N, C-alpha and C. Protein backbone atom coordinates (compact mmCIF):
# COMPACT_ATOMS: atom_id res chain seq x y z
N MET A 1 45.75 43.07 14.26
CA MET A 1 44.76 42.83 13.12
C MET A 1 45.45 43.16 11.83
N PRO A 2 45.22 42.45 10.84
CA PRO A 2 45.99 42.54 9.50
C PRO A 2 45.46 43.86 8.85
N ARG A 3 46.10 44.21 7.82
CA ARG A 3 45.76 45.50 7.05
C ARG A 3 44.59 45.04 6.06
N MET A 4 43.35 45.89 6.18
CA MET A 4 42.40 45.71 5.39
C MET A 4 41.57 46.78 4.92
N PRO A 5 40.77 46.94 3.85
CA PRO A 5 40.21 48.19 3.45
C PRO A 5 39.14 48.48 4.69
N LYS A 6 38.53 49.73 4.56
CA LYS A 6 37.67 50.21 5.33
C LYS A 6 36.48 49.59 5.39
N LYS A 7 35.97 49.24 4.19
CA LYS A 7 34.71 48.43 4.05
C LYS A 7 34.66 47.11 4.73
N LEU A 8 35.63 46.55 4.50
CA LEU A 8 35.90 45.24 5.19
C LEU A 8 36.03 45.27 6.77
N LYS A 9 36.57 46.33 7.25
CA LYS A 9 36.80 46.55 8.73
C LYS A 9 35.40 46.95 9.29
N LYS A 10 34.53 47.74 8.60
CA LYS A 10 33.11 48.05 9.07
C LYS A 10 32.30 46.72 9.07
N GLU A 11 32.50 45.91 8.07
CA GLU A 11 31.69 44.79 8.01
C GLU A 11 32.04 43.83 9.17
N LEU A 12 33.40 43.67 9.41
CA LEU A 12 33.73 42.80 10.54
C LEU A 12 33.33 43.28 11.95
N ALA A 13 33.32 44.70 12.08
CA ALA A 13 33.06 45.24 13.49
C ALA A 13 31.55 44.97 13.73
N PHE A 14 30.67 44.66 12.61
CA PHE A 14 29.42 44.37 12.86
C PHE A 14 28.99 42.93 13.54
N PHE A 15 30.06 42.10 13.19
CA PHE A 15 30.04 40.85 13.87
C PHE A 15 30.72 40.79 15.10
N LEU A 16 31.43 41.70 15.50
CA LEU A 16 32.27 41.55 16.79
C LEU A 16 31.39 41.92 18.02
N ASN A 17 31.62 41.19 19.21
CA ASN A 17 30.79 41.36 20.41
C ASN A 17 31.69 42.28 21.25
N GLU A 18 31.30 42.44 22.47
CA GLU A 18 32.02 43.28 23.23
C GLU A 18 33.33 42.71 23.67
N ARG A 19 33.75 41.47 23.66
CA ARG A 19 34.71 40.82 23.88
C ARG A 19 35.66 40.83 22.67
N GLY A 20 35.23 41.17 21.54
CA GLY A 20 36.10 41.21 20.28
C GLY A 20 36.01 39.93 19.60
N ARG A 21 35.07 39.03 19.80
CA ARG A 21 35.00 37.87 19.19
C ARG A 21 33.69 37.96 18.11
N MET A 22 33.78 37.04 17.07
CA MET A 22 32.93 36.99 16.01
C MET A 22 31.61 36.36 16.55
N THR A 23 30.47 36.90 16.40
CA THR A 23 29.37 36.45 16.88
C THR A 23 28.07 36.40 16.04
N TYR A 24 27.44 35.24 15.96
CA TYR A 24 26.44 35.09 14.73
C TYR A 24 25.23 35.04 15.45
N ASN A 25 24.00 35.16 14.80
CA ASN A 25 22.72 35.15 15.30
C ASN A 25 22.43 33.87 15.86
N GLU A 26 21.51 33.58 16.66
CA GLU A 26 21.15 32.32 17.35
C GLU A 26 20.77 31.32 16.37
N LEU A 27 20.06 31.73 15.37
CA LEU A 27 19.53 30.91 14.23
C LEU A 27 20.59 30.33 13.32
N CYS A 28 21.73 31.26 13.28
CA CYS A 28 22.84 30.94 12.39
C CYS A 28 23.86 30.25 12.88
N ARG A 29 23.91 30.11 14.09
CA ARG A 29 25.08 29.50 14.75
C ARG A 29 25.39 28.07 14.50
N LYS A 30 24.33 27.12 14.35
CA LYS A 30 24.55 25.71 13.85
C LYS A 30 24.50 25.51 12.46
N CYS A 31 24.01 26.60 11.79
CA CYS A 31 23.84 26.49 10.38
C CYS A 31 25.29 26.22 9.58
N GLN A 32 25.24 25.34 8.64
CA GLN A 32 26.57 25.11 7.92
C GLN A 32 26.67 25.92 6.65
N ARG A 33 25.71 26.72 6.29
CA ARG A 33 25.90 27.43 5.13
C ARG A 33 26.56 28.92 5.25
N PRO A 34 27.07 29.46 4.36
CA PRO A 34 27.94 30.60 4.41
C PRO A 34 27.20 31.83 4.74
N CYS A 35 25.91 31.90 4.67
CA CYS A 35 25.05 33.11 4.55
C CYS A 35 24.83 33.46 6.15
N LYS A 36 25.70 33.47 7.06
CA LYS A 36 25.46 33.67 8.47
C LYS A 36 25.25 35.19 8.54
N GLN A 37 24.31 35.50 9.67
CA GLN A 37 24.04 36.96 9.97
C GLN A 37 24.58 37.29 11.39
N SER A 38 24.78 38.63 11.45
CA SER A 38 25.29 39.02 12.78
C SER A 38 24.37 38.93 13.97
N PHE A 39 24.81 38.76 15.08
CA PHE A 39 24.01 38.75 16.27
C PHE A 39 23.26 40.04 16.37
N ARG A 40 23.60 41.23 15.76
CA ARG A 40 22.85 42.43 15.78
C ARG A 40 21.72 42.61 14.94
N ALA A 41 21.62 41.46 14.06
CA ALA A 41 20.42 41.56 13.05
C ALA A 41 19.04 41.27 13.91
N VAL A 42 18.18 41.91 13.76
CA VAL A 42 16.97 41.74 14.33
C VAL A 42 15.81 40.79 13.48
N ILE A 43 15.72 41.13 12.41
CA ILE A 43 15.06 40.30 11.41
C ILE A 43 15.93 39.47 10.40
N ILE A 44 15.56 38.19 10.39
CA ILE A 44 16.20 37.24 9.70
C ILE A 44 15.31 36.66 8.53
N ASP A 45 16.02 36.84 7.34
CA ASP A 45 15.23 36.42 6.05
C ASP A 45 16.23 35.28 5.61
N CYS A 46 16.09 34.02 5.85
CA CYS A 46 16.92 33.09 5.39
C CYS A 46 16.02 32.04 4.73
N PRO A 47 16.40 31.83 3.60
CA PRO A 47 15.59 30.79 2.69
C PRO A 47 15.85 29.39 3.14
N HIS A 48 17.00 29.02 3.89
CA HIS A 48 17.28 27.86 4.26
C HIS A 48 16.68 27.49 5.59
N TYR A 49 16.26 28.44 6.39
CA TYR A 49 15.76 28.08 7.60
C TYR A 49 14.23 27.85 7.53
N LEU A 50 13.75 26.87 8.21
CA LEU A 50 12.41 26.43 8.39
C LEU A 50 11.95 26.43 9.70
N SER A 51 11.04 27.20 10.31
CA SER A 51 10.74 27.18 11.69
C SER A 51 9.75 26.01 11.80
N LYS A 52 9.82 25.25 13.10
CA LYS A 52 8.82 24.21 13.32
C LYS A 52 7.46 24.67 13.23
N ARG A 53 7.20 25.91 13.65
CA ARG A 53 5.79 26.58 13.75
C ARG A 53 5.37 27.12 12.52
N ALA A 54 6.28 26.97 11.34
CA ALA A 54 5.84 27.66 10.14
C ALA A 54 4.70 26.69 9.53
N LYS A 55 3.68 27.40 8.76
CA LYS A 55 2.65 26.82 8.25
C LYS A 55 3.06 26.36 6.91
N LYS A 56 2.87 24.95 6.54
CA LYS A 56 3.23 24.35 5.37
C LYS A 56 2.19 24.90 4.14
N LYS A 57 2.77 25.06 3.11
CA LYS A 57 2.00 25.30 1.93
C LYS A 57 1.21 24.23 1.33
N GLU A 58 -0.07 24.50 1.17
CA GLU A 58 -0.87 23.22 0.60
C GLU A 58 -0.61 23.27 -0.81
N GLU A 59 -0.42 21.82 -1.43
CA GLU A 59 -0.26 21.88 -2.85
C GLU A 59 -1.69 21.62 -3.51
N PRO A 60 -1.82 22.58 -4.67
CA PRO A 60 -3.18 22.32 -5.27
C PRO A 60 -3.27 21.08 -5.98
N ASP A 61 -4.42 20.50 -5.96
CA ASP A 61 -4.81 19.19 -6.56
C ASP A 61 -4.87 19.28 -8.16
């Protein structure tokens, strides 16, 4: 592994699985945006993700 600061090492360790590979959350895997979250994240707040079950906001007339 190349030399890197402690902060970057800790951030990278959050994404590594037990096999030492970068792993992202299920919802982020196919996303093309750079805001990917770790598989360890439980709650996802992604402004780009819209669930099919999400209720659409009604526009006022």
